[in-house]
Amino acid sequence: MEEGMVKRFLVFAALAVTAVLAHAATMEDEVRAVFDKYIAVQNAHDLKAMRSLLADSPDLLWISRGKPIWGREAALKSLEERYKGTWRIDADRKNFESSRSAGA
């Protein structure tokens, strides 16, 4: 392989690695932003905002106090009852980690 081709290959490889790392950082930022919004919505007991966060699907699985609840409307109904109470979520942001599954 001639020297010019090797240099071009190395530049391309470096750019590819940089793009993959930037994409991973962007994905983690997106996950953190959704997580932060979820915590804020829960702490505000904002049912309307929670509706926009949950997938409108009968396959949505919400687990509340160990009980499975299927579908967005059923989950929102459960949350409506919970939101009548006084509670908040305090997330430990120092130990927050996100990871991708092997299939993602």
C-alpha atoms as a PDB file:
ATOM      1  CA  MET A   1       0.000   0.000   0.000  1.00  0.00           C
ATOM      2  CA  GLU A   2       1.472   3.344  -0.947  1.00  0.00           C
ATOM      3  CA  GLU A   3       2.187   5.990   1.699  1.00  0.00           C
ATOM      4  CA  GLY A   4      -0.541   8.390   0.482  1.00  0.00           C
ATOM      5  CA  MET A   5      -3.199   5.701   0.778  1.00  0.00           C
ATOM      6  CA  VAL A   6      -2.069   4.808   4.304  1.00  0.00           C
ATOM      7  CA  LYS A   7      -2.270   8.460   5.371  1.00  0.00           C
ATOM      8  CA  ARG A   8      -5.755   8.827   3.851  1.00  0.00           C
ATOM      9  CA  PHE A   9      -6.865   5.641   5.582  1.00  0.00           C
ATOM     10  CA  LEU A  10      -5.542   6.845   8.948  1.00  0.00           C
ATOM     11  CA  VAL A  11      -7.266  10.220   8.543  1.00  0.00           C
ATOM     12  CA  PHE A  12     -10.525   8.480   7.613  1.00  0.00           C
ATOM     13  CA  ALA A  13     -10.226   6.110  10.587  1.00  0.00           C
ATOM     14  CA  ALA A  14      -9.579   9.019  12.968  1.00  0.00           C
ATOM     15  CA  LEU A  15     -12.616  10.889  11.607  1.00  0.00           C
ATOM     16  CA  ALA A  16     -14.791   7.795  11.965  1.00  0.00           C
ATOM     17  CA  VAL A  17     -13.735   7.281  15.582  1.00  0.00           C
ATOM     18  CA  THR A  18     -14.364  10.961  16.343  1.00  0.00           C
ATOM     19  CA  ALA A  19     -17.847  10.773  14.779  1.00  0.00           C
ATOM     20  CA  VAL A  20     -18.744   7.643  16.770  1.00  0.00           C
ATOM     21  CA  LEU A  21     -17.574   9.216  20.037  1.00  0.00           C
ATOM     22  CA  ALA A  22     -19.458  12.452  19.314  1.00  0.00           C
ATOM     23  CA  HIS A  23     -22.624  10.484  18.513  1.00  0.00           C
ATOM     24  CA  ALA A  24     -22.308   8.504  21.766  1.00  0.00           C
ATOM     25  CA  ALA A  25     -21.897  11.729  23.752  1.00  0.00           C
ATOM     26  CA  THR A  26     -24.936  13.216  22.021  1.00  0.00           C
ATOM     27  CA  MET A  27     -27.011  10.121  22.785  1.00  0.00           C
ATOM     28  CA  GLU A  28     -25.977  10.245  26.448  1.00  0.00           C
ATOM     29  CA  ASP A  29     -26.875  13.948  26.584  1.00  0.00           C
ATOM     30  CA  GLU A  30     -30.304  13.112  25.134  1.00  0.00           C
ATOM     31  CA  VAL A  31     -30.861  10.336  27.678  1.00  0.00           C
ATOM     32  CA  ARG A  32     -29.851  12.653  30.523  1.00  0.00           C
ATOM     33  CA  ALA A  33     -32.174  15.405  29.229  1.00  0.00           C
ATOM     34  CA  VAL A  34     -35.165  13.038  29.075  1.00  0.00           C
ATOM     35  CA  PHE A  35     -34.312  11.677  32.523  1.00  0.00           C
ATOM     36  CA  ASP A  36     -34.103  15.214  33.953  1.00  0.00           C
ATOM     37  CA  LYS A  37     -37.436  16.113  32.337  1.00  0.00           C
ATOM     38  CA  TYR A  38     -39.035  12.942  33.732  1.00  0.00           C
ATOM     39  CA  ILE A  39     -37.854  13.777  37.262  1.00  0.00           C
ATOM     40  CA  ALA A  40     -39.070  17.388  36.948  1.00  0.00           C
ATOM     41  CA  VAL A  41     -42.473  16.272  35.629  1.00  0.00           C
ATOM     42  CA  GLN A  42     -42.868  13.714  38.400  1.00  0.00           C
ATOM     43  CA  ASN A  43     -41.913  16.258  41.066  1.00  0.00           C
ATOM     44  CA  ALA A  44     -44.354  18.800  39.607  1.00  0.00           C
ATOM     45  CA  HIS A  45     -47.073  16.113  39.580  1.00  0.00           C
ATOM     46  CA  ASP A  46     -47.849  17.340  36.051  1.00  0.00           C
ATOM     47  CA  LEU A  47     -50.131  14.778  34.427  1.00  0.00           C
ATOM     48  CA  LYS A  48     -50.339  16.671  31.117  1.00  0.00           C
ATOM     49  CA  ALA A  49     -46.546  16.790  30.768  1.00  0.00           C
ATOM     50  CA  MET A  50     -46.265  13.113  31.745  1.00  0.00           C
ATOM     51  CA  ARG A  51     -48.731  12.263  28.944  1.00  0.00           C
ATOM     52  CA  SER A  52     -46.258  13.741  26.452  1.00  0.00           C
ATOM     53  CA  LEU A  53     -43.405  11.642  27.872  1.00  0.00           C
ATOM     54  CA  LEU A  54     -45.183   8.279  27.747  1.00  0.00           C
ATOM     55  CA  ALA A  55     -45.594   6.348  24.508  1.00  0.00           C
ATOM     56  CA  ASP A  56     -49.212   6.162  23.351  1.00  0.00           C
ATOM     57  CA  SER A  57     -49.221   2.401  23.049  1.00  0.00           C
ATOM     58  CA  PRO A  58     -51.117  -0.476  24.623  1.00  0.00           C
ATOM     59  CA  ASP A  59     -47.682  -2.129  24.918  1.00  0.00           C
ATOM     60  CA  LEU A  60     -46.417   0.555  27.311  1.00  0.00           C
ATOM     61  CA  LEU A  61     -45.613  -1.147  30.619  1.00  0.00           C
ATOM     62  CA  TRP A  62     -45.719   0.997  33.746  1.00  0.00           C
ATOM     63  CA  ILE A  63     -44.919  -0.638  37.066  1.00  0.00           C
ATOM     64  CA  SER A  64     -46.255   1.051  40.171  1.00  0.00           C
ATOM     65  CA  ARG A  65     -45.696  -0.449  43.606  1.00  0.00           C
ATOM     66  CA  GLY A  66     -44.876  -3.782  42.006  1.00  0.00           C
ATOM     67  CA  LYS A  67     -48.088  -3.889  39.964  1.00  0.00           C
ATOM     68  CA  PRO A  68     -47.858  -3.990  36.158  1.00  0.00           C
ATOM     69  CA  ILE A  69     -50.045  -1.454  34.366  1.00  0.00           C
ATOM     70  CA  TRP A  70     -50.468  -1.737  30.602  1.00  0.00           C
ATOM     71  CA  GLY A  71     -51.076   1.236  28.312  1.00  0.00           C
ATOM     72  CA  ARG A  72     -50.564   4.981  28.602  1.00  0.00           C
ATOM     73  CA  GLU A  73     -54.088   5.848  29.747  1.00  0.00           C
ATOM     74  CA  ALA A  74     -54.023   3.251  32.529  1.00  0.00           C
ATOM     75  CA  ALA A  75     -50.583   4.492  33.630  1.00  0.00           C
ATOM     76  CA  LEU A  76     -51.822   8.088  33.684  1.00  0.00           C
ATOM     77  CA  LYS A  77     -54.857   7.084  35.722  1.00  0.00           C
ATOM     78  CA  SER A  78     -52.566   5.431  38.259  1.00  0.00           C
ATOM     79  CA  LEU A  79     -50.350   8.527  38.338  1.00  0.00           C
ATOM     80  CA  GLU A  80     -53.374  10.779  38.794  1.00  0.00           C
ATOM     81  CA  GLU A  81     -54.065   9.022  42.098  1.00  0.00           C
ATOM     82  CA  ARG A  82     -50.401   9.137  43.133  1.00  0.00           C
ATOM     83  CA  TYR A  83     -50.133  12.837  42.272  1.00  0.00           C
ATOM     84  CA  LYS A  84     -52.713  13.629  44.948  1.00  0.00           C
ATOM     85  CA  GLY A  85     -50.059  12.820  47.549  1.00  0.00           C
ATOM     86  CA  THR A  86     -47.031  14.803  48.595  1.00  0.00           C
ATOM     87  CA  TRP A  87     -43.753  13.273  47.430  1.00  0.00           C
ATOM     88  CA  ARG A  88     -40.773  14.015  45.254  1.00  0.00           C
ATOM     89  CA  ILE A  89     -37.949  12.157  43.577  1.00  0.00           C
ATOM     90  CA  ASP A  90     -34.386  13.142  44.393  1.00  0.00           C
ATOM     91  CA  ALA A  91     -32.087  11.554  41.837  1.00  0.00           C
ATOM     92  CA  ASP A  92     -28.410  11.034  42.612  1.00  0.00           C
ATOM     93  CA  ARG A  93     -26.929  12.691  39.517  1.00  0.00           C
ATOM     94  CA  LYS A  94     -23.334  11.910  40.568  1.00  0.00           C
ATOM     95  CA  ASN A  95     -23.970   8.195  40.105  1.00  0.00           C
ATOM     96  CA  PHE A  96     -26.112   8.465  36.963  1.00  0.00           C
ATOM     97  CA  GLU A  97     -24.879   6.184  34.206  1.00  0.00           C
ATOM     98  CA  SER A  98     -26.347   5.304  30.861  1.00  0.00           C
ATOM     99  CA  SER A  99     -25.355   2.405  28.688  1.00  0.00           C
ATOM    100  CA  ARG A 100     -26.397   0.944  25.389  1.00  0.00           C
ATOM    101  CA  SER A 101     -27.593  -2.609  25.055  1.00  0.00           C
ATOM    102  CA  ALA A 102     -25.709  -4.834  22.672  1.00  0.00           C
ATOM    103  CA  GLY A 103     -28.549  -4.658  20.148  1.00  0.00           C
ATOM    104  CA  ALA A 104     -28.784  -0.847  20.144  1.00  0.00           C
END
